[in-house]
Amino acid sequence: MIPTNVVVHQQSKVLELAYENGNTYRLPFEFLRVVSPSAEVQGHGPGQETLQTGKREVLIANIEPVGHYALKPSFSDGHDSGLYSWDFLQFLCENYEALWKEHLDKLAAAGLDRDAPMIVGSGKSCGSH
């Protein structure tokens, strides 16, 4: 389902998506950044994900439509390779609480918190970045 309205709220750091059925969702920028569908975050297969930290203050510097099927946000930390399809955004809206809890649980299991700096150069590379 394609949203009827998309609003970037810089002050509260949320992306608001309104749908024809009257539902409105607010997805925090930090959440959008840590669940980015990009290979940089998700890897190229199961177990290749890169746990994202230090993204609490990230902003969406720019957002643009990609055809009629996705949005491409550019984040203030330089990340801009994730294409958020309408279906993926709807999935994030409908599953926000569970997905956020899953992220926080992964951080806890790794002994990290949301504000820990990203560890760059973990030795994992797919050779395409």
Protein backbone atom coordinates (compact mmCIF):
# COMPACT_ATOMS: atom_id res chain seq x y z
CA MET A 1 0.00 0.00 0.00
CA ILE A 2 1.33 3.43 -0.95
CA PRO A 3 1.07 6.17 1.69
CA THR A 4 -1.12 9.15 0.82
CA ASN A 5 1.23 11.47 2.72
CA VAL A 6 4.85 11.31 3.86
CA VAL A 7 6.20 13.94 6.26
CA VAL A 8 9.77 14.24 7.57
CA HIS A 9 9.69 15.72 11.09
CA GLN A 10 13.25 16.90 11.76
CA GLN A 11 12.52 18.23 15.26
CA SER A 12 11.06 14.99 16.61
CA LYS A 13 13.22 12.83 14.28
CA VAL A 14 10.34 10.78 12.87
CA LEU A 15 9.04 9.91 9.43
CA GLU A 16 5.25 10.10 9.36
CA LEU A 17 3.36 7.92 6.90
CA ALA A 18 -0.39 8.37 6.41
CA TYR A 19 -2.48 5.83 4.54
CA GLU A 20 -5.82 5.98 2.74
CA ASN A 21 -7.47 3.76 5.40
CA GLY A 22 -6.85 6.50 8.00
CA ASN A 23 -3.87 4.84 9.68
CA THR A 24 -0.90 7.07 10.44
CA TYR A 25 2.47 5.75 11.59
CA ARG A 26 5.52 7.52 12.96
CA LEU A 27 8.86 5.76 12.45
CA PRO A 28 11.88 7.19 14.28
CA PHE A 29 14.88 8.05 12.08
CA GLU A 30 17.12 5.92 14.32
CA PHE A 31 14.88 2.90 13.71
CA LEU A 32 14.82 3.47 9.95
CA ARG A 33 18.61 3.74 9.94
CA VAL A 34 19.29 0.58 11.95
CA VAL A 35 16.87 -1.56 9.86
CA SER A 36 18.05 -0.16 6.52
CA PRO A 37 17.46 -2.68 3.73
CA SER A 38 20.91 -1.90 2.28
CA ALA A 39 23.59 -4.56 1.88
CA GLU A 40 25.80 -2.38 4.09
CA VAL A 41 23.44 -3.12 7.01
CA GLN A 42 21.78 -6.41 6.01
CA GLY A 43 24.73 -8.09 4.32
CA HIS A 44 24.23 -10.42 1.39
CA GLY A 45 22.70 -13.30 3.31
CA PRO A 46 21.66 -14.58 6.74
CA GLY A 47 24.24 -13.97 9.44
CA GLN A 48 25.97 -11.18 7.52
CA GLU A 49 24.05 -8.32 9.16
CA THR A 50 26.01 -5.45 10.71
CA LEU A 51 24.58 -4.43 14.07
CA GLN A 52 24.06 -0.66 13.97
CA THR A 53 24.91 1.52 16.96
CA GLY A 54 25.37 5.23 17.62
CA LYS A 55 22.41 6.25 15.45
CA ARG A 56 20.17 7.94 18.07
CA GLU A 57 20.89 11.45 16.75
CA VAL A 58 20.82 10.59 13.02
CA LEU A 59 18.69 12.82 10.82
CA ILE A 60 17.22 12.35 7.37
CA ALA A 61 19.15 14.92 5.37
CA ASN A 62 17.20 14.27 2.18
CA ILE A 63 14.51 11.89 0.97
CA GLU A 64 13.50 11.24 -2.60
CA PRO A 65 11.06 8.95 -4.39
CA VAL A 66 12.44 6.11 -6.49
CA GLY A 67 10.01 5.50 -9.33
CA HIS A 68 6.59 4.59 -7.97
CA TYR A 69 7.82 1.90 -5.63
CA ALA A 70 10.21 3.26 -2.98
CA LEU A 71 11.77 6.08 -0.99
CA LYS A 72 15.51 6.68 -0.75
CA PRO A 73 16.50 8.56 2.39
CA SER A 74 19.96 10.06 2.81
CA PHE A 75 20.92 10.05 6.48
CA SER A 76 23.12 12.62 8.20
CA ASP A 77 25.77 9.95 8.90
CA GLY A 78 26.30 9.56 5.15
CA HIS A 79 24.29 6.35 4.74
CA ASP A 80 22.21 6.61 1.56
CA SER A 81 22.17 3.18 -0.05
CA GLY A 82 18.90 1.82 1.34
CA LEU A 83 15.80 1.73 -0.87
CA TYR A 84 12.69 1.52 1.28
CA SER A 85 9.94 0.01 -0.88
CA TRP A 86 6.35 0.85 -0.04
CA ASP A 87 5.84 -2.77 1.05
CA PHE A 88 8.91 -2.65 3.30
CA LEU A 89 7.77 0.64 4.86
CA GLN A 90 4.32 -0.81 5.51
CA PHE A 91 5.97 -3.88 7.10
CA LEU A 92 8.06 -1.57 9.32
CA CYS A 93 4.95 0.39 10.31
CA GLU A 94 2.97 -2.72 11.22
CA ASN A 95 5.86 -4.42 13.06
CA TYR A 96 7.70 -1.46 14.58
CA GLU A 97 7.46 -2.52 18.24
CA ALA A 98 8.63 -6.10 17.65
CA LEU A 99 11.43 -5.05 15.29
CA TRP A 100 12.67 -2.37 17.67
CA LYS A 101 12.65 -4.83 20.59
CA GLU A 102 14.56 -7.32 18.43
CA HIS A 103 17.20 -4.66 17.69
CA LEU A 104 17.54 -3.73 21.38
CA ASP A 105 17.79 -7.44 22.31
CA LYS A 106 20.59 -7.94 19.74
CA LEU A 107 22.44 -4.94 21.18
CA ALA A 108 22.10 -6.34 24.71
CA ALA A 109 23.29 -9.78 23.59
CA ALA A 110 26.36 -8.15 22.02
CA GLY A 111 27.05 -6.14 25.17
CA LEU A 112 26.37 -2.86 23.37
CA ASP A 113 23.98 0.01 23.83
CA ARG A 114 22.30 2.30 21.32
CA ASP A 115 24.89 5.02 21.77
CA ALA A 116 28.02 2.90 21.39
CA PRO A 117 30.14 4.11 18.47
CA MET A 118 30.02 1.95 15.35
CA ILE A 119 32.97 -0.41 15.08
CA VAL A 120 34.32 0.11 11.58
CA GLY A 121 36.36 -2.53 9.84
CA SER A 122 35.09 -5.65 11.57
CA GLY A 123 36.94 -7.71 8.99
CA LYS A 124 33.71 -8.62 7.20
CA SER A 125 33.55 -7.38 3.67
CA CYS A 126 31.54 -8.34 0.66
CA GLY A 127 33.97 -6.62 -1.67
CA SER A 128 31.33 -4.37 -3.20
CA HIS A 129 31.55 -1.45 -0.75
